[in-house]
């Protein structure tokens, strides 16, 4: 059995660690609440952009536009697929980063030539070690996502798609279903699918008024769709940021609970060690007294 002093030292160490996990829990909680507030503030923008595209397609259902081009002539094995991978900048968030990299690895095993646009330090280090085909221009932190950063990403993937450097564009990020459930999601950004722009997906309070397009529907879509993609990417970044902090909250809460259980066990061990030391001292005193009486 460890001595009482050693157990006391372990108790102090566990208490210090518990202070850190509690502090990280509070910080992650604050960041997650701010991220959810930002996401709620940006949703009207996203829905209005989606609604505008829906109204254009409603007026011109047979419209042929490059952003909706499926490129069926390109064989499946030769399709160039770009994937934006949103990971964290650090660990201590449970299985958050592992779930993203696992889904990405499984997706890359499919047909086609895959190119990665990795956001987050954890993902960049992981795919650098794997020597994956990775674009090096997106060296952004995923902390506190901004619309400007989302626009830079959107501009690059739109350029690559229109210049046929890419035939498909996906984004893999973590979506927070609720406080307890987070799920890695693979969303296709390009080409857009007309079936996804249906009035049923638009909230009831969004107006569906008649519109006039000038100079043409193609020209309007050339402006609206990049902004729409910027909004989608920004929403994904904010969602991933909130999910990361929620995962870190859960991990820190679990660590704090484990530390409390460990403290309870160490307290029992300390009391036993202290009682054993007291018993030993009493035994030694009694033995000494008996020895003195015999003399």
Protein backbone atom coordinates (compact mmCIF):
# COMPACT_ATOMS: atom_id res chain seq x y z
CA UNK A 1 0.00 0.00 0.00
CA UNK A 2 1.25 3.51 -0.83
CA UNK A 3 2.17 5.76 2.05
CA UNK A 4 -0.16 8.51 3.25
CA UNK A 5 2.21 11.17 1.89
CA UNK A 6 2.21 9.61 -1.59
CA UNK A 7 -1.58 9.40 -1.59
CA UNK A 8 -1.81 13.06 -0.50
CA UNK A 9 0.43 14.01 -3.40
CA UNK A 10 -1.80 12.13 -5.85
CA UNK A 11 -4.91 13.79 -4.37
CA UNK A 12 -3.38 17.25 -4.91
CA UNK A 13 -2.44 16.31 -8.49
CA UNK A 14 -5.97 15.08 -9.27
CA UNK A 15 -7.50 18.23 -7.77
CA UNK A 16 -5.23 20.43 -9.90
CA UNK A 17 -6.21 18.47 -13.02
CA UNK A 18 -9.89 18.77 -12.11
CA UNK A 19 -9.54 22.56 -11.88
CA UNK A 20 -8.18 22.56 -15.46
CA UNK A 21 -10.97 20.33 -16.82
CA UNK A 22 -13.60 22.49 -15.09
CA UNK A 23 -12.08 25.63 -16.60
CA UNK A 24 -11.97 24.07 -20.08
CA UNK A 25 -15.59 23.00 -19.70
CA UNK A 26 -16.68 26.55 -18.89
CA UNK A 27 -14.65 28.01 -21.77
CA UNK A 28 -16.05 25.49 -24.27
CA UNK A 29 -19.57 26.12 -22.98
CA UNK A 30 -19.21 29.86 -23.58
CA UNK A 31 -17.78 29.34 -27.08
CA UNK A 32 -20.53 26.91 -28.03
CA UNK A 33 -23.28 29.30 -26.94
CA UNK A 34 -21.74 32.11 -28.98
CA UNK A 35 -21.40 29.84 -32.03
CA UNK A 36 -25.03 28.75 -31.81
CA UNK A 37 -26.11 32.39 -31.56
CA UNK A 38 -24.06 33.25 -34.67
CA UNK A 39 -25.57 30.28 -36.52
CA UNK A 40 -29.10 31.43 -35.66
CA UNK A 41 -28.26 34.94 -36.89
CA UNK A 42 -26.96 33.66 -40.25
CA UNK A 43 -29.80 31.24 -41.01
CA UNK A 44 -32.10 33.95 -42.50
CA UNK A 45 -29.35 34.79 -45.01
CA UNK A 46 -29.02 31.14 -46.01
CA UNK A 47 -32.77 30.64 -46.38
CA UNK A 48 -33.17 33.82 -48.42
CA UNK A 49 -30.40 32.77 -50.82
CA UNK A 50 -31.97 29.34 -51.12
CA UNK A 51 -35.37 30.92 -51.65
CA UNK A 52 -34.04 33.18 -54.40
CA UNK A 53 -32.57 30.21 -56.30
CA UNK A 54 -35.83 28.31 -55.82
CA UNK A 55 -37.87 31.17 -57.29
CA UNK A 56 -35.54 31.40 -60.31
CA UNK A 57 -35.85 27.67 -60.96
CA UNK A 58 -39.62 27.92 -60.51
CA UNK A 59 -39.78 30.54 -63.27
CA UNK A 60 -37.20 28.85 -65.54
CA UNK A 61 -37.44 25.11 -64.75
CA UNK A 62 -35.49 24.05 -67.87
CA UNK A 63 -32.58 26.37 -67.15
CA UNK A 64 -29.16 24.91 -68.00
CA UNK A 65 -26.40 26.42 -65.89
CA UNK A 66 -22.76 25.37 -65.21
CA UNK A 67 -23.37 25.14 -61.45
CA UNK A 68 -26.03 22.45 -62.09
CA UNK A 69 -23.93 20.51 -64.61
CA UNK A 70 -23.63 16.86 -63.53
CA UNK A 71 -20.95 16.17 -66.18
CA UNK A 72 -22.30 12.75 -67.03
CA UNK A 73 -19.77 12.34 -69.82
CA UNK A 74 -16.93 12.11 -67.29
CA UNK A 75 -16.50 8.44 -66.26
CA UNK A 76 -16.93 7.70 -62.55
CA UNK A 77 -13.33 6.47 -62.26
CA UNK A 78 -11.98 9.70 -63.80
CA UNK A 79 -14.07 12.22 -61.89
CA UNK A 80 -12.01 14.78 -59.96
CA UNK A 81 -13.53 15.18 -56.51
CA UNK A 82 -12.58 17.98 -54.14
CA UNK A 83 -13.45 17.59 -50.46
CA UNK A 84 -13.36 20.31 -47.80
CA UNK A 85 -12.55 18.56 -44.52
CA UNK A 86 -13.32 20.50 -41.33
CA UNK A 87 -11.38 19.22 -38.31
CA UNK A 88 -10.30 20.89 -35.08
CA UNK A 89 -7.11 22.77 -34.27
CA UNK A 90 -6.54 20.70 -31.14
CA UNK A 91 -7.62 17.51 -29.45
CA UNK A 92 -9.21 16.79 -26.07
CA UNK A 93 -12.61 16.66 -27.76
CA UNK A 94 -13.41 12.95 -27.59
CA UNK A 95 -13.98 11.29 -30.96
CA UNK A 96 -14.70 14.57 -32.77
CA UNK A 97 -11.62 14.58 -35.04
CA UNK A 98 -11.53 10.78 -35.40
CA UNK A 99 -15.08 10.65 -36.79
CA UNK A 100 -14.24 13.26 -39.44
CA UNK A 101 -11.03 11.59 -40.59
CA UNK A 102 -12.70 8.17 -40.58
CA UNK A 103 -15.53 9.38 -42.85
CA UNK A 104 -13.04 11.13 -45.13
CA UNK A 105 -10.86 8.01 -45.42
CA UNK A 106 -13.90 5.90 -46.32
CA UNK A 107 -15.03 8.46 -48.91
CA UNK A 108 -11.57 8.56 -50.49
CA UNK A 109 -11.68 4.80 -51.02
CA UNK A 110 -14.46 5.33 -53.56
CA UNK A 111 -13.86 5.82 -57.30
CA UNK A 112 -12.37 9.01 -58.69
CA UNK A 113 -9.37 11.25 -58.06
CA UNK A 114 -9.70 12.85 -54.64
CA UNK A 115 -8.20 16.18 -53.60
CA UNK A 116 -8.52 17.47 -50.05
CA UNK A 117 -8.97 21.02 -48.77
CA UNK A 118 -8.29 20.49 -45.08
CA UNK A 119 -9.23 23.01 -42.40
CA UNK A 120 -7.87 22.56 -38.89
CA UNK A 121 -4.43 21.67 -37.58
CA UNK A 122 -5.38 18.11 -36.57
CA UNK A 123 -6.59 17.22 -40.06
CA UNK A 124 -3.61 18.83 -41.81
CA UNK A 125 -1.14 16.91 -39.66
CA UNK A 126 -3.05 13.66 -40.16
CA UNK A 127 -3.22 13.88 -43.96
CA UNK A 128 0.32 15.20 -44.25
CA UNK A 129 1.52 12.00 -42.58
CA UNK A 130 -0.63 9.96 -44.98
CA UNK A 131 0.81 11.91 -47.94
CA UNK A 132 -2.68 12.56 -49.33
CA UNK A 133 -3.28 14.91 -52.28
CA UNK A 134 -3.96 18.04 -50.24
CA UNK A 135 -4.29 21.66 -51.28
CA UNK A 136 -1.98 23.82 -49.19
CA UNK A 137 -3.74 27.17 -49.60
CA UNK A 138 -6.36 26.73 -46.86
CA UNK A 139 -4.15 27.15 -43.81
CA UNK A 140 -6.92 28.72 -41.77
CA UNK A 141 -7.71 28.21 -38.12
CA UNK A 142 -11.20 26.88 -37.49
CA UNK A 143 -11.58 28.99 -34.36
CA UNK A 144 -14.12 31.79 -34.64
CA UNK A 145 -15.15 31.25 -38.30
CA UNK A 146 -15.87 34.39 -40.31
CA UNK A 147 -17.86 35.13 -43.46
CA UNK A 148 -14.70 36.51 -45.09
CA UNK A 149 -12.89 33.21 -44.63
CA UNK A 150 -15.91 31.29 -45.97
CA UNK A 151 -15.93 33.56 -49.03
CA UNK A 152 -12.27 32.86 -49.75
CA UNK A 153 -12.94 29.12 -49.61
CA UNK A 154 -16.06 29.48 -51.76
CA UNK A 155 -14.21 31.54 -54.39
CA UNK A 156 -11.51 28.88 -54.71
CA UNK A 157 -13.84 25.90 -55.12
CA UNK A 158 -16.10 27.81 -57.54
CA UNK A 159 -13.09 28.71 -59.66
CA UNK A 160 -11.82 25.12 -59.64
CA UNK A 161 -15.26 23.76 -60.57
CA UNK A 162 -15.92 26.21 -63.40
CA UNK A 163 -12.42 25.66 -64.84
CA UNK A 164 -13.05 21.88 -64.66
CA UNK A 165 -10.24 21.24 -62.23
CA UNK A 166 -12.94 19.57 -60.14
CA UNK A 167 -16.07 17.69 -61.20
CA UNK A 168 -17.56 17.46 -57.70
CA UNK A 169 -17.11 19.37 -54.47
CA UNK A 170 -18.05 17.98 -51.05
CA UNK A 171 -17.67 19.23 -47.51
CA UNK A 172 -17.29 16.88 -44.53
CA UNK A 173 -18.06 18.46 -41.18
CA UNK A 174 -19.72 17.65 -37.86
CA UNK A 175 -23.39 18.50 -37.44
CA UNK A 176 -24.82 18.88 -33.95
CA UNK A 177 -28.22 17.20 -33.82
CA UNK A 178 -28.68 18.11 -30.15
CA UNK A 179 -26.59 18.55 -27.01
CA UNK A 180 -25.88 14.81 -26.82
CA UNK A 181 -25.74 13.71 -30.48
CA UNK A 182 -23.17 14.91 -33.04
CA UNK A 183 -22.79 13.31 -36.43
CA UNK A 184 -20.19 13.60 -39.19
CA UNK A 185 -21.89 14.67 -42.45
CA UNK A 186 -20.75 14.50 -46.08
CA UNK A 187 -22.58 17.25 -48.00
CA UNK A 188 -22.25 17.78 -51.74
CA UNK A 189 -21.75 21.45 -52.61
CA UNK A 190 -21.23 21.21 -56.37
CA UNK A 191 -22.79 20.48 -58.74
CA UNK A 192 -26.03 21.75 -57.27
CA UNK A 193 -29.11 19.56 -57.60
CA UNK A 194 -32.36 21.15 -58.69
CA UNK A 195 -34.32 18.64 -56.61
CA UNK A 196 -32.83 20.12 -53.42
CA UNK A 197 -34.35 23.54 -54.18
CA UNK A 198 -38.00 22.88 -53.46
CA UNK A 199 -40.47 25.22 -51.76
CA UNK A 200 -41.04 22.61 -49.04
CA UNK A 201 -37.54 23.26 -47.71
CA UNK A 202 -38.14 26.99 -47.28
CA UNK A 203 -39.79 28.29 -44.08
CA UNK A 204 -43.37 29.47 -44.43
CA UNK A 205 -42.53 33.10 -43.59
CA UNK A 206 -40.24 33.50 -46.65
CA UNK A 207 -42.11 35.34 -49.41
CA UNK A 208 -42.49 33.68 -52.82
CA UNK A 209 -43.27 36.82 -54.83
CA UNK A 210 -42.99 37.13 -58.60
CA UNK A 211 -39.58 38.30 -59.81
CA UNK A 212 -37.96 39.82 -62.89
CA UNK A 213 -34.43 38.80 -63.82
CA UNK A 214 -32.11 41.27 -65.50
CA UNK A 215 -30.15 40.91 -67.72
CA UNK A 216 -30.90 37.15 -67.64
CA UNK A 217 -31.50 34.22 -65.31
CA UNK A 218 -27.96 32.93 -66.01
CA UNK A 219 -26.42 36.25 -65.01
CA UNK A 220 -28.45 36.37 -61.80
CA UNK A 221 -27.42 32.84 -60.88
CA UNK A 222 -23.77 33.71 -61.60
CA UNK A 223 -24.01 36.16 -58.70
CA UNK A 224 -26.42 34.43 -56.35
CA UNK A 225 -24.97 30.91 -56.33
CA UNK A 226 -21.43 31.88 -55.18
CA UNK A 227 -23.04 33.88 -52.35
CA UNK A 228 -25.28 30.93 -51.56
CA UNK A 229 -22.26 28.60 -51.39
CA UNK A 230 -20.48 31.09 -49.16
CA UNK A 231 -23.44 31.02 -46.79
CA UNK A 232 -23.56 27.20 -46.80
CA UNK A 233 -19.82 26.91 -46.12
CA UNK A 234 -20.01 29.51 -43.37
CA UNK A 235 -22.92 27.65 -41.78
CA UNK A 236 -20.92 24.40 -41.92
CA UNK A 237 -17.89 26.06 -40.30
CA UNK A 238 -19.99 27.53 -37.50
CA UNK A 239 -21.82 24.22 -37.00
CA UNK A 240 -18.51 22.36 -36.81
CA UNK A 241 -17.11 24.94 -34.37
CA UNK A 242 -20.13 24.55 -32.11
CA UNK A 243 -19.92 20.75 -32.36
CA UNK A 244 -16.22 20.77 -31.49
CA UNK A 245 -16.82 22.81 -28.36
CA UNK A 246 -19.79 20.67 -27.42
CA UNK A 247 -17.64 17.55 -27.81
CA UNK A 248 -14.92 19.16 -25.68
CA UNK A 249 -17.52 20.04 -23.04
CA UNK A 250 -18.62 16.40 -22.93
CA UNK A 251 -15.04 15.16 -22.73
CA UNK A 252 -14.14 17.61 -19.96
CA UNK A 253 -17.29 16.74 -18.01
CA UNK A 254 -16.41 13.06 -18.28
CA UNK A 255 -12.86 13.80 -17.12
CA UNK A 256 -14.15 15.81 -14.17
CA UNK A 257 -16.51 12.99 -13.17
CA UNK A 258 -13.66 10.49 -13.39
CA UNK A 259 -11.46 12.76 -11.27
CA UNK A 260 -14.18 12.98 -8.61
CA UNK A 261 -14.46 9.19 -8.50
CA UNK A 262 -10.68 8.93 -8.26
CA UNK A 263 -10.63 11.44 -5.41
CA UNK A 264 -13.23 9.40 -3.52
CA UNK A 265 -11.14 6.24 -3.94
CA UNK A 266 -7.92 8.04 -2.95
CA UNK A 267 -9.63 9.47 0.13
CA UNK A 268 -10.56 5.95 1.24
CA UNK A 269 -7.00 4.78 0.60
CA UNK A 270 -5.60 7.76 2.48
CA UNK A 271 -7.84 7.10 5.50
CA UNK A 272 -6.84 3.45 5.52
CA UNK A 273 -3.15 4.32 5.26
CA UNK A 274 -3.50 6.88 8.06
CA UNK A 275 -5.36 4.42 10.27
CA UNK A 276 -2.75 1.75 9.56
CA UNK A 277 0.02 4.19 10.51
CA UNK A 278 -1.80 5.12 13.74
CA UNK A 279 -2.38 1.45 14.56
CA UNK A 280 1.28 0.70 13.95
CA UNK A 281 2.36 3.55 16.21
CA UNK A 282 0.00 2.37 18.98
CA UNK A 283 1.32 -1.18 18.61
CA UNK A 284 4.89 0.05 18.87
CA UNK A 285 4.09 2.10 21.98
CA UNK A 286 2.36 -0.87 23.66
CA UNK A 287 5.22 -3.19 22.74
CA UNK A 288 7.72 -0.70 24.17
CA UNK A 289 5.72 -0.36 27.39
CA UNK A 290 5.55 -4.12 27.80
CA UNK A 291 9.28 -4.39 27.24
CA UNK A 292 9.92 -1.76 29.91
CA UNK A 293 7.71 -3.60 32.43
CA UNK A 294 9.56 -6.86 31.83
CA UNK A 295 12.86 -5.12 32.58
